[in-house]
Amino acid sequence: MKRNLIRWIPAVLAPVVVATTALGFSVSANAAIDLADKSASQILQMINTNPDIAFSGKVVKKAQLGLPPMNILPDISQSMIDEAAKKMPKEMMDFLPQASAQGELALALEFAAGTHQANIYVDGSEKVRVQVLDLLSERNFIRSGTDLWFYDAGKQSVQHSVISAADQEAAQNDALALFNATSPAAVADYFLAQAGSDTVFSVGKDAKVAGRGVYQLTMSPRSAGTLVQSVTFSVDAATGLPLAVLVKAVGQSAPAFDIAFESISFEKPAASNFTFVAPAGTTVIEVPVPTKESLSAYSGKAPTAADEAKAKAELEKLQAQGWSAVVEVPADMVPAELEALKTNRFYLELTKAVAGGRVFTTSLMNIFIADDGRVFAGSVTIEKLLEAAAQ
């Protein structure tokens, strides 16, 4: 069960990450575009909240986070690399990767670097397909009603899960109650008020994304304690659907993260896009969707009222810190997989030694893995992380 839960995480998260941030940034300013003037609050209010929206399009994601150039080979273990090194002529040693990443680590690192393309199909909240295009293959994340599918054509493998109708209805009722209690205007004003002390909002020039007129809204930190220089959203003027997001890092001229709709259509996608039948010869693995009970079992205990109160207090503390917030994960909450990873040369290649541990560093986020087992992360400098760990 534990292994299945871990393996299903990327299949569940990928459509959410890609489709809800399915944004992108192929933005071109155009003097011919003249949209009605709107304030930052008005742009936030117009962002689409309609769960029944239908659209499809091609998304391009680019990431330049300053990671070292390394081959990511999710199907080759470190022992296989070591064995090949013994038999390979010295003249060919440069063709061997220095280390290997497997499973979810490889998937996370792959999406955090380089360029990726994906086709996205959405017909309401219950029909979603994200087709990630690889060099010679593809991966598909599909939701059709209560069925979730993750198909990796390269590995000829399928993971399938069924969403509980009762759990889904409860979640929808909670969301509806929250929506009714807080209108889009109230939500927009809330975020502006909360971010006002630490964020500057500015409205950019009218522009185009995927051939459509968009409003551009930029958030910039007031303080200098963060690695983030700015975040710019582009919102479709006609539908309110966010079409673009671009993140700039301090001291880096090229965008650190840039994901964009290259093309988009608001015609309802064909039903066949959401119909999945496992191809002959593939291995189908049935994976339970994580429940509150199973996650409690995985973590070793169910959260108590004291745990929930502590978590709420920690969240409020992080909100108060704003862009320079630092998250601490206690040693007893760090997954055992991370501890096991420390023996992998890939871990040593991607991190560097600092006083008291090692640091995984990118242009937008740093992660400090302390020798005592604690983990600290935030969009702050390494020095800030080390200060937080020393307190």
Protein backbone atom coordinates (compact mmCIF):
# COMPACT_ATOMS: atom_id res chain seq x y z
CA MET A 1 0.00 0.00 0.00
CA LYS A 2 2.71 2.51 0.96
CA ARG A 3 4.64 1.95 -2.25
CA ASN A 4 1.46 2.25 -4.33
CA LEU A 5 0.56 5.52 -2.65
CA ILE A 6 3.97 6.96 -3.43
CA ARG A 7 3.90 5.80 -7.05
CA TRP A 8 0.47 7.31 -7.69
CA ILE A 9 1.39 10.83 -6.52
CA PRO A 10 2.78 12.11 -9.85
CA ALA A 11 -0.13 10.63 -11.78
CA VAL A 12 -2.57 12.51 -9.55
CA LEU A 13 -0.63 15.75 -9.38
CA ALA A 14 0.50 16.13 -12.99
CA PRO A 15 -2.94 17.04 -14.41
CA VAL A 16 -3.50 19.46 -11.54
CA VAL A 17 -0.11 21.13 -11.92
CA VAL A 18 -0.28 21.32 -15.70
CA ALA A 19 -3.98 22.06 -16.14
CA THR A 20 -4.52 24.53 -13.31
CA THR A 21 -1.27 26.31 -13.98
CA ALA A 22 -1.81 25.51 -17.63
CA LEU A 23 -0.74 28.90 -18.23
CA GLY A 24 2.32 29.52 -20.16
CA PHE A 25 3.96 32.60 -21.47
CA SER A 26 4.09 33.05 -25.23
CA VAL A 27 3.19 36.67 -24.75
CA SER A 28 3.51 39.31 -27.42
CA ALA A 29 2.65 42.94 -26.86
CA ASN A 30 0.67 44.40 -29.73
CA ALA A 31 -0.25 48.03 -30.23
CA ALA A 32 -3.38 46.92 -32.10
CA ILE A 33 -4.79 45.35 -28.94
CA ASP A 34 -6.79 47.80 -26.90
CA LEU A 35 -8.77 46.14 -24.11
CA ALA A 36 -10.98 47.93 -21.64
CA ASP A 37 -8.88 49.25 -18.79
CA LYS A 38 -9.01 47.17 -15.59
CA SER A 39 -7.39 47.48 -12.19
CA ALA A 40 -5.47 44.67 -10.51
CA SER A 41 -8.51 43.87 -8.36
CA GLN A 42 -10.78 43.72 -11.41
CA ILE A 43 -8.40 41.36 -13.23
CA LEU A 44 -8.34 39.04 -10.21
CA GLN A 45 -12.14 39.12 -10.06
CA MET A 46 -12.52 38.10 -13.70
CA ILE A 47 -10.35 34.97 -13.41
CA ASN A 48 -12.49 32.02 -14.48
CA THR A 49 -14.09 30.00 -11.69
CA ASN A 50 -16.53 28.08 -13.89
CA PRO A 51 -16.01 24.31 -13.36
CA ASP A 52 -17.90 23.53 -16.59
CA ILE A 53 -15.52 25.36 -18.93
CA ALA A 54 -14.35 23.36 -21.97
CA PHE A 55 -11.17 23.94 -23.95
CA SER A 56 -8.17 22.25 -25.53
CA GLY A 57 -4.74 23.40 -26.55
CA LYS A 58 -1.01 22.90 -26.75
CA VAL A 59 1.15 23.97 -23.82
CA VAL A 60 4.90 24.57 -23.85
CA LYS A 61 6.83 24.68 -20.58
CA LYS A 62 10.38 25.96 -20.20
CA ALA A 63 12.41 25.85 -17.00
CA GLN A 64 15.83 27.37 -16.43
CA LEU A 65 16.37 26.86 -12.74
CA GLY A 66 20.14 26.60 -12.84
CA LEU A 67 20.26 22.82 -12.35
CA PRO A 68 23.46 21.12 -13.53
CA PRO A 69 23.20 19.36 -16.93
CA MET A 70 22.74 15.68 -16.13
CA ASN A 71 21.22 12.68 -17.86
CA ILE A 72 18.08 11.56 -16.08
CA LEU A 73 17.57 7.86 -16.66
CA PRO A 74 14.60 6.66 -14.61
CA ASP A 75 14.91 3.04 -15.72
CA ILE A 76 18.63 2.51 -15.04
CA SER A 77 19.83 1.87 -11.51
CA GLN A 78 23.10 3.10 -10.07
CA SER A 79 24.41 -0.48 -9.85
CA MET A 80 23.81 -0.92 -13.60
CA ILE A 81 25.80 2.26 -14.30
CA ASP A 82 28.65 1.06 -12.06
CA GLU A 83 28.72 -2.34 -13.78
CA ALA A 84 28.75 -0.77 -17.25
CA ALA A 85 31.65 1.45 -16.20
CA LYS A 86 33.75 -1.63 -15.43
CA LYS A 87 33.31 -3.01 -18.94
CA MET A 88 33.24 0.15 -21.05
CA PRO A 89 36.43 1.41 -22.75
CA LYS A 90 37.87 4.55 -21.18
CA GLU A 91 37.31 6.43 -24.43
CA MET A 92 33.54 5.98 -24.03
CA MET A 93 33.22 6.81 -20.34
CA ASP A 94 31.89 10.27 -21.08
CA PHE A 95 28.73 8.68 -22.51
CA LEU A 96 27.81 7.24 -19.11
CA PRO A 97 25.69 9.39 -16.76
CA GLN A 98 27.40 10.17 -13.48
CA ALA A 99 24.43 8.97 -11.48
CA SER A 100 20.87 7.75 -11.78
CA ALA A 101 17.50 9.00 -10.56
CA GLN A 102 14.57 6.63 -10.37
CA GLY A 103 10.82 6.79 -9.91
CA GLU A 104 9.22 9.98 -8.69
CA LEU A 105 12.57 11.75 -8.20
CA ALA A 106 13.35 11.38 -11.90
CA LEU A 107 9.88 12.62 -12.87
CA ALA A 108 10.16 15.67 -10.62
CA LEU A 109 13.64 16.58 -11.87
CA GLU A 110 12.63 16.07 -15.47
CA PHE A 111 9.76 18.57 -15.23
CA ALA A 112 11.97 21.01 -13.31
CA ALA A 113 14.42 21.31 -16.19
CA GLY A 114 14.37 21.88 -19.92
CA THR A 115 11.45 22.18 -22.32
CA HIS A 116 8.30 20.05 -22.44
CA GLN A 117 5.21 20.06 -24.62
CA ALA A 118 1.76 18.81 -23.72
CA ASN A 119 -1.70 18.67 -25.26
CA ILE A 120 -4.50 19.49 -22.82
CA TYR A 121 -8.19 18.61 -23.17
CA VAL A 122 -10.78 19.77 -20.62
CA ASP A 123 -14.55 19.30 -20.62
CA GLY A 124 -15.75 20.36 -17.18
CA SER A 125 -14.19 19.13 -13.97
CA GLU A 126 -14.72 15.41 -14.62
CA LYS A 127 -13.16 15.06 -18.07
CA VAL A 128 -9.50 16.02 -18.28
CA ARG A 129 -6.63 14.69 -20.36
CA VAL A 130 -3.00 15.83 -20.29
CA GLN A 131 -0.86 14.27 -23.01
CA VAL A 132 2.83 14.88 -22.30
CA LEU A 133 4.85 14.51 -25.50
CA ASP A 134 8.25 12.86 -25.04
CA LEU A 135 10.96 12.63 -27.67
CA LEU A 136 9.85 9.25 -29.03
CA SER A 137 6.81 8.48 -26.91
CA GLU A 138 4.13 10.05 -24.72
CA ARG A 139 2.53 9.90 -21.30
CA ASN A 140 -1.18 10.41 -20.69
CA PHE A 141 -2.94 11.52 -17.52
CA ILE A 142 -6.69 11.04 -17.96
CA ARG A 143 -9.69 11.62 -15.75
CA SER A 144 -13.00 10.34 -17.08
CA GLY A 145 -15.74 10.53 -14.49
CA THR A 146 -14.60 8.52 -11.48
CA ASP A 147 -11.72 6.85 -13.36
CA LEU A 148 -8.13 8.07 -13.22
CA TRP A 149 -5.60 6.69 -15.71
CA PHE A 150 -1.85 7.19 -16.11
CA TYR A 151 -0.47 5.60 -19.30
CA ASP A 152 3.26 5.58 -20.06
CA ALA A 153 3.63 4.47 -23.68
CA GLY A 154 7.40 4.12 -23.40
CA LYS A 155 7.15 1.68 -20.48
CA GLN A 156 3.93 0.06 -21.72
CA SER A 157 2.47 0.49 -18.25
CA VAL A 158 -0.93 1.70 -16.99
CA GLN A 159 -1.97 2.83 -13.53
CA HIS A 160 -5.69 3.03 -12.79
CA SER A 161 -7.70 4.25 -9.85
CA VAL A 162 -11.34 4.95 -9.05
CA ILE A 163 -12.45 8.11 -7.25
CA SER A 164 -15.02 7.60 -4.53
CA ALA A 165 -18.28 9.28 -5.55
CA ALA A 166 -19.11 9.98 -1.89
CA ASP A 167 -15.75 11.64 -1.21
CA GLN A 168 -16.05 13.66 -4.41
CA GLU A 169 -19.55 14.89 -3.53
CA ALA A 170 -18.43 15.92 -0.05
CA ALA A 171 -15.48 17.85 -1.48
CA GLN A 172 -17.73 19.57 -4.03
CA ASN A 173 -20.24 20.55 -1.33
CA ASP A 174 -17.45 22.02 0.82
CA ALA A 175 -16.10 23.94 -2.16
CA LEU A 176 -19.56 25.23 -3.08
CA ALA A 177 -20.18 26.43 0.47
CA LEU A 178 -16.85 28.24 0.46
CA PHE A 179 -17.60 29.81 -2.93
CA ASN A 180 -21.03 31.01 -1.82
CA ALA A 181 -19.56 32.54 1.34
CA THR A 182 -16.81 34.37 -0.52
CA SER A 183 -17.62 35.93 -3.87
CA PRO A 184 -14.88 36.40 -6.49
CA ALA A 185 -14.80 40.10 -5.63
CA ALA A 186 -14.32 39.34 -1.93
CA VAL A 187 -11.60 36.80 -2.68
CA ALA A 188 -9.78 39.29 -4.92
CA ASP A 189 -9.96 42.02 -2.29
CA TYR A 190 -8.76 39.55 0.37
CA PHE A 191 -5.65 38.59 -1.58
CA LEU A 192 -4.87 42.19 -2.38
CA ALA A 193 -5.23 43.12 1.30
CA GLN A 194 -3.12 40.18 2.50
CA ALA A 195 -0.39 40.75 -0.07
CA GLY A 196 -0.45 44.53 0.19
CA SER A 197 2.25 44.78 2.83
CA ASP A 198 4.68 42.51 1.03
CA THR A 199 3.67 42.66 -2.64
CA VAL A 200 3.38 45.29 -5.34
CA PHE A 201 0.67 44.61 -7.95
CA SER A 202 1.00 46.21 -11.37
CA VAL A 203 -1.03 45.92 -14.55
CA GLY A 204 1.01 45.47 -17.72
CA LYS A 205 0.27 46.33 -21.33
CA ASP A 206 -2.48 44.55 -23.23
CA ALA A 207 -0.94 41.56 -24.99
CA LYS A 208 -1.64 38.31 -26.82
CA VAL A 209 -1.19 34.69 -25.79
CA ALA A 210 -1.97 31.98 -28.34
CA GLY A 211 -3.54 34.66 -30.52
CA ARG A 212 -5.96 35.86 -27.82
CA GLY A 213 -6.09 39.23 -26.07
CA VAL A 214 -4.97 39.05 -22.44
CA TYR A 215 -4.57 41.26 -19.41
CA GLN A 216 -1.19 41.03 -17.67
CA LEU A 217 -0.94 41.22 -13.89
CA THR A 218 2.46 41.22 -12.18
CA MET A 219 3.21 40.54 -8.51
CA SER A 220 6.57 41.76 -7.24
CA PRO A 221 7.91 41.29 -3.69
CA ARG A 222 8.59 44.47 -1.74
CA SER A 223 11.30 42.85 0.39
CA ALA A 224 14.72 41.78 -0.82
CA GLY A 225 14.75 38.52 1.12
CA THR A 226 13.39 36.29 -1.63
CA LEU A 227 14.78 34.67 -4.78
CA VAL A 228 11.64 35.62 -6.71
CA GLN A 229 11.85 38.87 -8.68
CA SER A 230 8.32 38.78 -10.08
CA VAL A 231 5.41 36.60 -11.17
CA THR A 232 3.34 37.67 -14.18
CA PHE A 233 -0.07 36.20 -15.04
CA SER A 234 -1.86 36.62 -18.36
CA VAL A 235 -5.64 36.32 -18.21
CA ASP A 236 -7.82 35.79 -21.28
CA ALA A 237 -9.94 38.90 -21.75
CA ALA A 238 -12.97 37.01 -23.09
CA THR A 239 -13.17 33.94 -20.82
CA GLY A 240 -11.10 34.87 -17.77
CA LEU A 241 -9.03 31.68 -18.17
CA PRO A 242 -5.39 32.21 -17.14
CA LEU A 243 -3.34 31.58 -20.26
CA ALA A 244 0.15 32.43 -19.08
CA VAL A 245 2.50 32.65 -16.15
CA LEU A 246 6.13 33.71 -16.10
CA VAL A 247 8.40 33.64 -13.07
CA LYS A 248 11.61 35.66 -12.95
CA ALA A 249 14.39 35.00 -10.46
CA VAL A 250 16.56 37.63 -8.86
CA GLY A 251 19.81 38.10 -10.77
CA GLN A 252 18.74 35.96 -13.74
CA SER A 253 17.96 37.61 -17.09
CA ALA A 254 16.10 34.65 -18.66
CA PRO A 255 12.78 33.56 -17.10
CA ALA A 256 13.30 30.85 -14.50
CA PHE A 257 9.94 29.25 -15.25
CA ASP A 258 7.77 29.87 -18.28
CA ILE A 259 4.75 27.75 -19.20
CA ALA A 260 2.43 28.79 -22.03
CA PHE A 261 -0.50 27.96 -24.20
CA GLU A 262 0.91 27.95 -27.72
CA SER A 263 -2.58 27.37 -29.12
CA ILE A 264 -6.03 27.08 -27.57
CA SER A 265 -9.61 26.42 -28.64
CA PHE A 266 -12.75 26.84 -26.56
CA GLU A 267 -14.69 24.27 -28.59
CA LYS A 268 -15.76 21.25 -26.55
CA PRO A 269 -13.15 18.48 -27.09
CA ALA A 270 -14.32 15.23 -28.70
CA ALA A 271 -15.48 12.62 -26.17
CA SER A 272 -12.93 10.17 -27.59
CA ASN A 273 -10.16 12.20 -25.94
CA PHE A 274 -11.35 10.99 -22.54
CA THR A 275 -11.98 7.36 -23.45
CA PHE A 276 -9.10 5.10 -22.46
CA VAL A 277 -8.65 1.39 -23.16
CA ALA A 278 -5.40 -0.19 -22.04
CA PRO A 279 -3.43 -1.26 -25.16
CA ALA A 280 -2.74 -4.95 -25.60
CA GLY A 281 0.43 -6.04 -23.85
CA THR A 282 0.42 -3.32 -21.21
CA THR A 283 0.52 -4.02 -17.50
CA VAL A 284 -2.40 -2.47 -15.61
CA ILE A 285 -1.80 -1.69 -11.92
CA GLU A 286 -4.79 -0.88 -9.74
CA VAL A 287 -3.80 1.87 -7.31
CA PRO A 288 -6.04 3.06 -4.46
CA VAL A 289 -6.56 6.81 -4.30
CA PRO A 290 -5.02 8.11 -1.05
CA THR A 291 -7.67 8.65 1.62
CA LYS A 292 -7.38 10.51 4.91
CA GLU A 293 -7.20 7.16 6.70
CA SER A 294 -4.53 5.70 4.40
CA LEU A 295 -2.41 8.85 4.60
CA SER A 296 -2.68 8.69 8.39
CA ALA A 297 -1.52 5.09 8.27
CA TYR A 298 1.34 6.04 5.97
CA SER A 299 2.51 8.81 8.29
CA GLY A 300 2.20 6.49 11.27
CA LYS A 301 -0.59 8.26 13.16
CA ALA A 302 -3.81 10.18 12.68
CA PRO A 303 -3.52 13.93 13.29
CA THR A 304 -4.80 15.03 16.69
CA ALA A 305 -6.54 18.32 17.51
CA ALA A 306 -3.20 19.55 18.85
CA ASP A 307 -1.50 18.59 15.57
CA GLU A 308 -4.11 20.50 13.55
CA ALA A 309 -3.79 23.56 15.81
CA LYS A 310 0.00 23.46 15.43
CA ALA A 311 -0.32 23.16 11.64
CA LYS A 312 -2.70 26.14 11.54
CA ALA A 313 -0.33 28.22 13.63
CA GLU A 314 2.59 27.28 11.38
CA LEU A 315 0.58 28.24 8.29
CA GLU A 316 -0.25 31.65 9.78
CA LYS A 317 3.43 32.11 10.62
CA LEU A 318 4.43 31.33 7.02
CA GLN A 319 1.78 33.72 5.68
CA ALA A 320 3.17 36.47 7.88
CA GLN A 321 6.67 35.84 6.46
CA GLY A 322 5.37 36.33 2.92
CA TRP A 323 7.79 35.75 0.04
CA SER A 324 10.69 35.01 2.39
CA ALA A 325 8.92 32.20 4.25
CA VAL A 326 10.96 29.15 5.27
CA VAL A 327 9.27 25.77 5.76
CA GLU A 328 10.75 23.35 8.27
CA VAL A 329 10.08 19.61 8.08
CA PRO A 330 10.99 17.83 11.35
CA ALA A 331 13.27 14.81 11.08
CA ASP A 332 10.53 12.38 12.10
CA MET A 333 8.32 13.63 9.24
CA VAL A 334 10.93 13.28 6.49
CA PRO A 335 10.20 10.25 4.22
CA ALA A 336 12.58 7.34 4.58
CA GLU A 337 13.11 7.49 0.79
CA LEU A 338 15.05 10.74 1.19
CA GLU A 339 17.38 9.17 3.73
CA ALA A 340 17.99 6.23 1.39
CA LEU A 341 18.66 8.63 -1.47
CA LYS A 342 21.70 10.05 0.32
CA THR A 343 23.76 7.06 -0.80
CA ASN A 344 23.01 7.75 -4.47
CA ARG A 345 25.66 9.65 -6.43
CA PHE A 346 22.85 11.58 -8.09
CA TYR A 347 22.09 13.14 -4.70
CA LEU A 348 25.71 14.15 -4.24
CA GLU A 349 25.83 15.56 -7.77
CA LEU A 350 22.72 17.70 -7.31
CA THR A 351 23.56 18.99 -3.83
CA LYS A 352 26.55 20.73 -2.32
CA ALA A 353 28.05 20.50 1.15
CA VAL A 354 27.47 23.36 3.61
CA ALA A 355 27.92 23.64 7.35
CA GLY A 356 25.62 21.12 8.99
CA GLY A 357 24.33 19.37 5.88
CA ARG A 358 23.82 19.69 2.15
CA VAL A 359 21.87 22.12 -0.06
CA PHE A 360 19.87 21.55 -3.24
CA THR A 361 19.84 24.92 -4.94
CA THR A 362 17.90 26.42 -7.86
CA SER A 363 17.29 29.96 -8.99
CA LEU A 364 13.82 30.00 -7.38
CA MET A 365 14.13 27.74 -4.34
CA ASN A 366 16.74 26.31 -1.99
CA ILE A 367 16.42 23.19 0.14
CA PHE A 368 18.70 22.50 3.10
CA ILE A 369 18.97 18.85 4.24
CA ALA A 370 20.49 18.99 7.70
CA ASP A 371 22.74 16.25 9.07
CA ASP A 372 20.29 15.80 11.97
CA GLY A 373 17.52 14.83 9.53
CA ARG A 374 15.56 18.08 9.39
CA VAL A 375 14.71 19.72 6.04
CA PHE A 376 14.29 23.46 5.40
CA ALA A 377 12.97 24.93 2.15
CA GLY A 378 12.05 28.34 0.80
CA SER A 379 12.46 30.89 -1.99
CA VAL A 380 15.29 32.46 -0.02
CA THR A 381 19.08 32.46 -0.03
CA ILE A 382 21.10 29.59 1.41
CA GLU A 383 22.22 31.90 4.22
CA LYS A 384 18.57 32.50 5.22
CA LEU A 385 17.94 28.74 5.35
CA LEU A 386 20.99 28.16 7.52
CA GLU A 387 19.87 30.97 9.84
CA ALA A 388 16.43 29.36 10.17
CA ALA A 389 18.00 25.98 10.95
CA ALA A 390 20.22 27.49 13.63
CA GLN A 391 17.32 29.08 15.53
